[in-house]
Amino acid sequence: MNLHVFEGFPTLLLEIGIALIPLFLFFTVFQVFMLKLPFKQVLRIIYGFILTFFGLSFFLQGVHIGFMPVGEIMGKSLGELSYTWILIPIGFVLGFVATFAEPAVSVMNAEVDKATGGFISEKLMLYTLSTGVGVSIALAMFRILSGFSLWFFIIPGYLVILVLLFFSNKIFVGIAFDSGGVATGPMTVTFIVSVAVGIASVTEGRDPLTEGFGMIAIVAMAPIIAVLILGLIFAKKGGAESNDA
C-alpha cells in the first residue's frame, strides 16, 4: 500500500503563504508607523508567523490525507449498523471530545479567562462549549436518521437565542456569539462533518452535501445557547448570593 503523504503539499504551502502574507504586511505597516515594538518582541512575532505557517500547513495536510478519509469511512460503517439509534449518543461523544482538541476554542477560553480575571474560568468555558457542541452533533445525527428539515432545528434554535438575549448580561452575549464561530473550527468541520457525510451517503434518501453543511449550521448555533444559559446561571447565582448577603 503506497501512502502519498505529501501529495499536493507544495500547493498547500503556497496557499497558506498567500493567506498569511497580507497579515504579515498589515503588521509590518503598523509596526513601522504606530506600534514601534522592541526588536525582541518583533522577533517573537516573526517566530509566531513561521510556526503558524508550518503548523497550518502540516495540520491541513494531515486533514487531507487522514482526518477526512477516516471520518468518512467511520461514517459509512456507522450508517450501515442495524441499530442506527446509537449514532445519537456517539454523535454527542464525538462532538464533546472534538471541542477539546479545537485550537480556536482553547485560544478563546484562555482570553475569556484572562479578560474576566478568572470570573469565567477557562475550564468552565471548555466544558460548556463541549456540551453545546456534543448536543448539536447528537441533534444533527437525529436529523439525518429522521429526515427532518434543517428549518425545524434552526428556526426554533435562533428564537430561543433571541429570547435568551433579553435576559443575558452583555458580557455573555459577546462571548456566546464568538463561541458559535470558534466551535465550527477545523476539527469539527473536517472530522465530524466527514462522519456525517459518510453516514448520509449510506442512508437512503439523504444528500451527503446537505446533511454535512446542515450539521455546521446546527453546531454554530448550539454553543451560543449553551453560553447564554451559562450566563443566566451566573446571574441567578449572583442574585442568590446578593439576597443572602
C-alpha atoms as a PDB file:
ATOM      1  CA  MET A   1       0.000   0.000   0.000  1.00  0.00           C
ATOM      2  CA  ASN A   2       1.507   3.321  -1.101  1.00  0.00           C
ATOM      3  CA  LEU A   3       0.741   6.323   1.075  1.00  0.00           C
ATOM      4  CA  HIS A   4       1.325   9.611  -0.715  1.00  0.00           C
ATOM      5  CA  VAL A   5       1.727  11.583   2.497  1.00  0.00           C
ATOM      6  CA  PHE A   6       2.983  14.769   0.870  1.00  0.00           C
ATOM      7  CA  GLU A   7       0.846  14.660  -2.250  1.00  0.00           C
ATOM      8  CA  GLY A   8      -0.256  18.207  -3.043  1.00  0.00           C
ATOM      9  CA  PHE A   9       1.826  19.624  -0.161  1.00  0.00           C
ATOM     10  CA  PRO A  10       3.720  22.242  -2.248  1.00  0.00           C
ATOM     11  CA  THR A  11       0.407  23.686  -3.453  1.00  0.00           C
ATOM     12  CA  LEU A  12      -0.853  23.782   0.109  1.00  0.00           C
ATOM     13  CA  LEU A  13       2.293  25.613   1.255  1.00  0.00           C
ATOM     14  CA  LEU A  14       1.702  28.221  -1.437  1.00  0.00           C
ATOM     15  CA  GLU A  15      -1.927  28.689  -0.392  1.00  0.00           C
ATOM     16  CA  ILE A  16      -1.017  29.113   3.289  1.00  0.00           C
ATOM     17  CA  GLY A  17       1.728  31.573   2.336  1.00  0.00           C
ATOM     18  CA  ILE A  18      -0.687  33.656   0.254  1.00  0.00           C
ATOM     19  CA  ALA A  19      -3.132  33.685   3.170  1.00  0.00           C
ATOM     20  CA  LEU A  20      -0.536  34.807   5.747  1.00  0.00           C
ATOM     21  CA  ILE A  21       1.376  37.383   3.673  1.00  0.00           C
ATOM     22  CA  PRO A  22      -1.363  40.087   3.925  1.00  0.00           C
ATOM     23  CA  LEU A  23      -1.453  39.641   7.715  1.00  0.00           C
ATOM     24  CA  PHE A  24       2.321  39.974   7.902  1.00  0.00           C
ATOM     25  CA  LEU A  25       2.276  43.101   5.699  1.00  0.00           C
ATOM     26  CA  PHE A  26      -0.523  44.557   7.834  1.00  0.00           C
ATOM     27  CA  PHE A  27       1.559  44.009  10.979  1.00  0.00           C
ATOM     28  CA  THR A  28       4.653  45.481   9.292  1.00  0.00           C
ATOM     29  CA  VAL A  29       2.837  48.711   8.393  1.00  0.00           C
ATOM     30  CA  PHE A  30       1.517  49.080  11.950  1.00  0.00           C
ATOM     31  CA  GLN A  31       4.952  48.314  13.382  1.00  0.00           C
ATOM     32  CA  VAL A  32       6.667  50.967  11.273  1.00  0.00           C
ATOM     33  CA  PHE A  33       4.144  53.773  11.717  1.00  0.00           C
ATOM     34  CA  MET A  34       2.339  53.100  15.007  1.00  0.00           C
ATOM     35  CA  LEU A  35       3.380  50.206  17.252  1.00  0.00           C
ATOM     36  CA  LYS A  36       7.194  50.549  17.200  1.00  0.00           C
ATOM     37  CA  LEU A  37       7.605  47.420  19.336  1.00  0.00           C
ATOM     38  CA  PRO A  38      11.054  46.447  20.680  1.00  0.00           C
ATOM     39  CA  PHE A  39      13.181  44.272  18.409  1.00  0.00           C
ATOM     40  CA  LYS A  40      12.941  41.264  20.757  1.00  0.00           C
ATOM     41  CA  GLN A  41       9.127  41.348  20.658  1.00  0.00           C
ATOM     42  CA  VAL A  42       9.096  41.760  16.876  1.00  0.00           C
ATOM     43  CA  LEU A  43      11.366  38.735  16.641  1.00  0.00           C
ATOM     44  CA  ARG A  44       8.928  36.688  18.725  1.00  0.00           C
ATOM     45  CA  ILE A  45       6.056  37.730  16.449  1.00  0.00           C
ATOM     46  CA  ILE A  46       8.059  36.699  13.368  1.00  0.00           C
ATOM     47  CA  TYR A  47       8.726  33.319  15.005  1.00  0.00           C
ATOM     48  CA  GLY A  48       4.983  33.087  15.601  1.00  0.00           C
ATOM     49  CA  PHE A  49       4.270  33.689  11.913  1.00  0.00           C
ATOM     50  CA  ILE A  50       6.783  30.986  10.943  1.00  0.00           C
ATOM     51  CA  LEU A  51       5.295  28.466  13.389  1.00  0.00           C
ATOM     52  CA  THR A  52       1.788  29.350  12.202  1.00  0.00           C
ATOM     53  CA  PHE A  53       2.821  28.814   8.582  1.00  0.00           C
ATOM     54  CA  PHE A  54       4.261  25.353   9.165  1.00  0.00           C
ATOM     55  CA  GLY A  55       1.647  24.411  11.760  1.00  0.00           C
ATOM     56  CA  LEU A  56      -1.268  25.201   9.451  1.00  0.00           C
ATOM     57  CA  SER A  57       0.443  23.519   6.530  1.00  0.00           C
ATOM     58  CA  PHE A  58       1.096  20.234   8.322  1.00  0.00           C
ATOM     59  CA  PHE A  59      -2.313  20.301  10.009  1.00  0.00           C
ATOM     60  CA  LEU A  60      -4.233  20.808   6.783  1.00  0.00           C
ATOM     61  CA  GLN A  61      -2.144  18.166   5.029  1.00  0.00           C
ATOM     62  CA  GLY A  62      -2.997  15.779   7.851  1.00  0.00           C
ATOM     63  CA  VAL A  63      -6.658  16.667   7.435  1.00  0.00           C
ATOM     64  CA  HIS A  64      -6.445  15.947   3.715  1.00  0.00           C
ATOM     65  CA  ILE A  65      -4.743  12.544   3.976  1.00  0.00           C
ATOM     66  CA  GLY A  66      -6.087  11.379   7.361  1.00  0.00           C
ATOM     67  CA  PHE A  67      -8.975  13.115   9.099  1.00  0.00           C
ATOM     68  CA  MET A  68     -11.396  13.437   6.217  1.00  0.00           C
ATOM     69  CA  PRO A  69     -10.925   9.942   4.710  1.00  0.00           C
ATOM     70  CA  VAL A  70     -11.092   8.149   8.073  1.00  0.00           C
ATOM     71  CA  GLY A  71     -14.082  10.244   9.135  1.00  0.00           C
ATOM     72  CA  GLU A  72     -15.999   9.288   6.009  1.00  0.00           C
ATOM     73  CA  ILE A  73     -15.073   5.609   6.399  1.00  0.00           C
ATOM     74  CA  MET A  74     -16.226   5.663  10.031  1.00  0.00           C
ATOM     75  CA  GLY A  75     -19.466   7.366   8.998  1.00  0.00           C
ATOM     76  CA  LYS A  76     -20.208   4.725   6.373  1.00  0.00           C
ATOM     77  CA  SER A  77     -19.551   1.924   8.867  1.00  0.00           C
ATOM     78  CA  LEU A  78     -21.773   3.533  11.493  1.00  0.00           C
ATOM     79  CA  GLY A  79     -24.515   4.266   8.978  1.00  0.00           C
ATOM     80  CA  GLU A  80     -24.699   0.602   7.990  1.00  0.00           C
ATOM     81  CA  LEU A  81     -25.383  -0.566  11.563  1.00  0.00           C
ATOM     82  CA  SER A  82     -28.766  -2.196  12.143  1.00  0.00           C
ATOM     83  CA  TYR A  83     -29.278  -0.246  15.402  1.00  0.00           C
ATOM     84  CA  THR A  84     -28.766   3.252  13.979  1.00  0.00           C
ATOM     85  CA  TRP A  85     -30.137   4.926  17.132  1.00  0.00           C
ATOM     86  CA  ILE A  86     -26.650   4.525  18.631  1.00  0.00           C
ATOM     87  CA  LEU A  87     -25.473   7.288  16.270  1.00  0.00           C
ATOM     88  CA  ILE A  88     -27.114   9.866  18.573  1.00  0.00           C
ATOM     89  CA  PRO A  89     -25.013   9.155  21.711  1.00  0.00           C
ATOM     90  CA  ILE A  90     -21.943   8.541  19.528  1.00  0.00           C
ATOM     91  CA  GLY A  91     -22.524  11.959  17.952  1.00  0.00           C
ATOM     92  CA  PHE A  92     -22.621  13.573  21.391  1.00  0.00           C
ATOM     93  CA  VAL A  93     -19.334  11.935  22.412  1.00  0.00           C
ATOM     94  CA  LEU A  94     -17.616  12.866  19.129  1.00  0.00           C
ATOM     95  CA  GLY A  95     -18.753  16.489  19.409  1.00  0.00           C
ATOM     96  CA  PHE A  96     -17.731  16.697  23.059  1.00  0.00           C
ATOM     97  CA  VAL A  97     -14.189  15.373  22.584  1.00  0.00           C
ATOM     98  CA  ALA A  98     -13.588  17.177  19.268  1.00  0.00           C
ATOM     99  CA  THR A  99     -14.127  20.510  21.031  1.00  0.00           C
ATOM    100  CA  PHE A 100     -11.305  19.699  23.452  1.00  0.00           C
ATOM    101  CA  ALA A 101      -8.915  19.466  20.502  1.00  0.00           C
ATOM    102  CA  GLU A 102     -10.221  22.580  18.723  1.00  0.00           C
ATOM    103  CA  PRO A 103      -7.367  25.147  18.609  1.00  0.00           C
ATOM    104  CA  ALA A 104      -9.624  28.212  18.356  1.00  0.00           C
ATOM    105  CA  VAL A 105     -11.651  27.078  21.379  1.00  0.00           C
ATOM    106  CA  SER A 106      -8.514  26.862  23.518  1.00  0.00           C
ATOM    107  CA  VAL A 107      -7.418  30.346  22.464  1.00  0.00           C
ATOM    108  CA  MET A 108     -10.830  31.900  23.114  1.00  0.00           C
ATOM    109  CA  ASN A 109     -11.249  30.211  26.503  1.00  0.00           C
ATOM    110  CA  ALA A 110      -7.852  31.468  27.628  1.00  0.00           C
ATOM    111  CA  GLU A 111      -8.721  35.007  26.508  1.00  0.00           C
ATOM    112  CA  VAL A 112     -12.095  34.900  28.276  1.00  0.00           C
ATOM    113  CA  ASP A 113     -10.418  33.704  31.478  1.00  0.00           C
ATOM    114  CA  LYS A 114      -7.835  36.486  31.211  1.00  0.00           C
ATOM    115  CA  ALA A 115     -10.321  39.234  30.303  1.00  0.00           C
ATOM    116  CA  THR A 116     -12.717  38.372  33.140  1.00  0.00           C
ATOM    117  CA  GLY A 117      -9.964  37.871  35.706  1.00  0.00           C
ATOM    118  CA  GLY A 118     -10.942  34.238  36.208  1.00  0.00           C
ATOM    119  CA  PHE A 119     -14.639  35.056  36.759  1.00  0.00           C
ATOM    120  CA  ILE A 120     -15.425  32.856  33.742  1.00  0.00           C
ATOM    121  CA  SER A 121     -12.754  30.191  34.010  1.00  0.00           C
ATOM    122  CA  GLU A 122     -11.106  28.518  31.052  1.00  0.00           C
ATOM    123  CA  LYS A 123     -12.187  25.075  32.272  1.00  0.00           C
ATOM    124  CA  LEU A 124     -15.820  26.114  32.710  1.00  0.00           C
ATOM    125  CA  MET A 125     -15.940  27.582  29.205  1.00  0.00           C
ATOM    126  CA  LEU A 126     -14.381  24.430  27.756  1.00  0.00           C
ATOM    127  CA  TYR A 127     -16.981  22.133  29.320  1.00  0.00           C
ATOM    128  CA  THR A 128     -19.821  24.497  28.374  1.00  0.00           C
ATOM    129  CA  LEU A 129     -18.773  24.639  24.726  1.00  0.00           C
ATOM    130  CA  SER A 130     -18.042  20.904  24.612  1.00  0.00           C
ATOM    131  CA  THR A 131     -21.507  20.119  25.946  1.00  0.00           C
ATOM    132  CA  GLY A 132     -23.116  22.513  23.470  1.00  0.00           C
ATOM    133  CA  VAL A 133     -21.259  21.042  20.506  1.00  0.00           C
ATOM    134  CA  GLY A 134     -21.972  17.493  21.732  1.00  0.00           C
ATOM    135  CA  VAL A 135     -25.706  18.196  21.900  1.00  0.00           C
ATOM    136  CA  SER A 136     -25.631  19.830  18.454  1.00  0.00           C
ATOM    137  CA  ILE A 137     -23.904  16.821  16.863  1.00  0.00           C
ATOM    138  CA  ALA A 138     -26.414  14.493  18.551  1.00  0.00           C
ATOM    139  CA  LEU A 139     -29.258  16.612  17.106  1.00  0.00           C
ATOM    140  CA  ALA A 140     -27.607  16.538  13.678  1.00  0.00           C
ATOM    141  CA  MET A 141     -27.397  12.734  13.847  1.00  0.00           C
ATOM    142  CA  PHE A 142     -31.073  12.585  14.820  1.00  0.00           C
ATOM    143  CA  ARG A 143     -31.862  14.838  11.862  1.00  0.00           C
ATOM    144  CA  ILE A 144     -30.010  12.538   9.446  1.00  0.00           C
ATOM    145  CA  LEU A 145     -31.856   9.483  10.769  1.00  0.00           C
ATOM    146  CA  SER A 146     -35.289  11.111  10.908  1.00  0.00           C
ATOM    147  CA  GLY A 147     -35.098  13.156   7.720  1.00  0.00           C
ATOM    148  CA  PHE A 148     -36.470  16.317   9.352  1.00  0.00           C
ATOM    149  CA  SER A 149     -35.823  19.586   7.551  1.00  0.00           C
ATOM    150  CA  LEU A 150     -32.982  21.769   8.811  1.00  0.00           C
ATOM    151  CA  TRP A 151     -35.501  24.555   9.432  1.00  0.00           C
ATOM    152  CA  PHE A 152     -37.116  22.540  12.243  1.00  0.00           C
ATOM    153  CA  PHE A 153     -33.846  22.961  14.166  1.00  0.00           C
ATOM    154  CA  ILE A 154     -32.560  26.340  13.015  1.00  0.00           C
ATOM    155  CA  ILE A 155     -35.707  28.471  13.440  1.00  0.00           C
ATOM    156  CA  PRO A 156     -36.615  27.281  16.991  1.00  0.00           C
ATOM    157  CA  GLY A 157     -32.933  27.451  17.961  1.00  0.00           C
ATOM    158  CA  TYR A 158     -32.494  31.085  16.967  1.00  0.00           C
ATOM    159  CA  LEU A 159     -35.847  32.002  18.503  1.00  0.00           C
ATOM    160  CA  VAL A 160     -34.523  30.591  21.777  1.00  0.00           C
ATOM    161  CA  ILE A 161     -31.364  32.676  21.309  1.00  0.00           C
ATOM    162  CA  LEU A 162     -33.415  35.845  20.762  1.00  0.00           C
ATOM    163  CA  VAL A 163     -35.395  35.199  23.940  1.00  0.00           C
ATOM    164  CA  LEU A 164     -32.235  34.495  25.957  1.00  0.00           C
ATOM    165  CA  LEU A 165     -30.665  37.746  24.730  1.00  0.00           C
ATOM    166  CA  PHE A 166     -33.257  39.777  26.630  1.00  0.00           C
ATOM    167  CA  PHE A 167     -32.227  38.177  29.932  1.00  0.00           C
ATOM    168  CA  SER A 168     -28.465  37.879  29.375  1.00  0.00           C
ATOM    169  CA  ASN A 169     -25.574  40.031  30.517  1.00  0.00           C
ATOM    170  CA  LYS A 170     -23.813  41.821  27.640  1.00  0.00           C
ATOM    171  CA  ILE A 171     -20.519  40.110  28.537  1.00  0.00           C
ATOM    172  CA  PHE A 172     -22.051  36.692  27.941  1.00  0.00           C
ATOM    173  CA  VAL A 173     -23.766  37.878  24.748  1.00  0.00           C
ATOM    174  CA  GLY A 174     -20.418  38.782  23.187  1.00  0.00           C
ATOM    175  CA  ILE A 175     -18.761  35.575  24.346  1.00  0.00           C
ATOM    176  CA  ALA A 176     -21.708  33.486  23.152  1.00  0.00           C
ATOM    177  CA  PHE A 177     -21.627  34.707  19.561  1.00  0.00           C
ATOM    178  CA  ASP A 178     -17.840  34.346  19.422  1.00  0.00           C
ATOM    179  CA  SER A 179     -18.301  30.787  20.685  1.00  0.00           C
ATOM    180  CA  GLY A 180     -20.514  29.936  17.728  1.00  0.00           C
ATOM    181  CA  GLY A 181     -17.683  30.860  15.394  1.00  0.00           C
ATOM    182  CA  VAL A 182     -14.829  29.088  17.152  1.00  0.00           C
ATOM    183  CA  ALA A 183     -16.854  25.897  17.626  1.00  0.00           C
ATOM    184  CA  THR A 184     -17.021  25.436  13.854  1.00  0.00           C
ATOM    185  CA  GLY A 185     -13.253  25.197  13.559  1.00  0.00           C
ATOM    186  CA  PRO A 186     -11.048  22.765  11.624  1.00  0.00           C
ATOM    187  CA  MET A 187     -11.547  19.796  13.978  1.00  0.00           C
ATOM    188  CA  THR A 188     -15.339  19.894  13.734  1.00  0.00           C
ATOM    189  CA  VAL A 189     -15.596  20.849  10.086  1.00  0.00           C
ATOM    190  CA  THR A 190     -13.072  18.276   8.879  1.00  0.00           C
ATOM    191  CA  PHE A 191     -13.664  15.229  11.032  1.00  0.00           C
ATOM    192  CA  ILE A 192     -17.233  15.409  12.341  1.00  0.00           C
ATOM    193  CA  VAL A 193     -18.676  16.645   9.051  1.00  0.00           C
ATOM    194  CA  SER A 194     -16.821  13.861   7.215  1.00  0.00           C
ATOM    195  CA  VAL A 195     -18.504  11.371   9.556  1.00  0.00           C
ATOM    196  CA  ALA A 196     -21.894  12.941   8.778  1.00  0.00           C
ATOM    197  CA  VAL A 197     -21.217  12.802   5.045  1.00  0.00           C
ATOM    198  CA  GLY A 198     -20.293   9.114   5.348  1.00  0.00           C
ATOM    199  CA  ILE A 199     -23.476   8.336   7.297  1.00  0.00           C
ATOM    200  CA  ALA A 200     -25.650  10.257   4.845  1.00  0.00           C
ATOM    201  CA  SER A 201     -24.053   8.505   1.855  1.00  0.00           C
ATOM    202  CA  VAL A 202     -25.262   5.096   3.065  1.00  0.00           C
ATOM    203  CA  THR A 203     -28.637   6.304   4.382  1.00  0.00           C
ATOM    204  CA  GLU A 204     -31.453   6.069   1.859  1.00  0.00           C
ATOM    205  CA  GLY A 205     -32.926   9.390   0.767  1.00  0.00           C
ATOM    206  CA  ARG A 206     -30.191  11.556   2.339  1.00  0.00           C
ATOM    207  CA  ASP A 207     -27.992  14.014   0.459  1.00  0.00           C
ATOM    208  CA  PRO A 208     -24.410  13.964   1.848  1.00  0.00           C
ATOM    209  CA  LEU A 209     -23.783  17.589   0.849  1.00  0.00           C
ATOM    210  CA  THR A 210     -26.957  18.889   2.506  1.00  0.00           C
ATOM    211  CA  GLU A 211     -26.501  16.832   5.662  1.00  0.00           C
ATOM    212  CA  GLY A 212     -22.860  17.853   6.051  1.00  0.00           C
ATOM    213  CA  PHE A 213     -23.401  21.593   5.786  1.00  0.00           C
ATOM    214  CA  GLY A 214     -26.616  21.323   7.782  1.00  0.00           C
ATOM    215  CA  MET A 215     -24.550  19.962  10.654  1.00  0.00           C
ATOM    216  CA  ILE A 216     -22.300  23.045  10.550  1.00  0.00           C
ATOM    217  CA  ALA A 217     -25.361  25.309  10.864  1.00  0.00           C
ATOM    218  CA  ILE A 218     -26.556  23.436  13.960  1.00  0.00           C
ATOM    219  CA  VAL A 219     -23.071  23.348  15.507  1.00  0.00           C
ATOM    220  CA  ALA A 220     -22.713  27.120  15.077  1.00  0.00           C
ATOM    221  CA  MET A 221     -25.998  27.672  16.914  1.00  0.00           C
ATOM    222  CA  ALA A 222     -25.727  25.314  19.916  1.00  0.00           C
ATOM    223  CA  PRO A 223     -22.681  26.892  21.679  1.00  0.00           C
ATOM    224  CA  ILE A 224     -24.436  30.280  21.603  1.00  0.00           C
ATOM    225  CA  ILE A 225     -27.378  28.817  23.520  1.00  0.00           C
ATOM    226  CA  ALA A 226     -25.052  26.981  25.924  1.00  0.00           C
ATOM    227  CA  VAL A 227     -23.067  30.121  26.815  1.00  0.00           C
ATOM    228  CA  LEU A 228     -26.214  32.260  27.195  1.00  0.00           C
ATOM    229  CA  ILE A 229     -27.669  29.644  29.563  1.00  0.00           C
ATOM    230  CA  LEU A 230     -24.384  29.698  31.480  1.00  0.00           C
ATOM    231  CA  GLY A 231     -24.779  33.482  31.771  1.00  0.00           C
ATOM    232  CA  LEU A 232     -28.280  33.070  33.216  1.00  0.00           C
ATOM    233  CA  ILE A 233     -26.943  30.563  35.752  1.00  0.00           C
ATOM    234  CA  PHE A 234     -24.227  33.051  36.753  1.00  0.00           C
ATOM    235  CA  ALA A 235     -26.821  35.835  37.065  1.00  0.00           C
ATOM    236  CA  LYS A 236     -29.112  33.679  39.194  1.00  0.00           C
ATOM    237  CA  LYS A 237     -26.227  32.590  41.397  1.00  0.00           C
ATOM    238  CA  GLY A 238     -25.110  36.192  41.820  1.00  0.00           C
ATOM    239  CA  GLY A 239     -28.663  37.252  42.668  1.00  0.00           C
ATOM    240  CA  ALA A 240     -28.998  34.493  45.232  1.00  0.00           C
ATOM    241  CA  GLU A 241     -25.699  35.470  46.850  1.00  0.00           C
ATOM    242  CA  SER A 242     -26.859  39.124  46.979  1.00  0.00           C
ATOM    243  CA  ASN A 243     -30.088  38.117  48.674  1.00  0.00           C
ATOM    244  CA  ASP A 244     -28.190  36.007  51.207  1.00  0.00           C
ATOM    245  CA  ALA A 245     -25.966  38.955  51.990  1.00  0.00           C
END
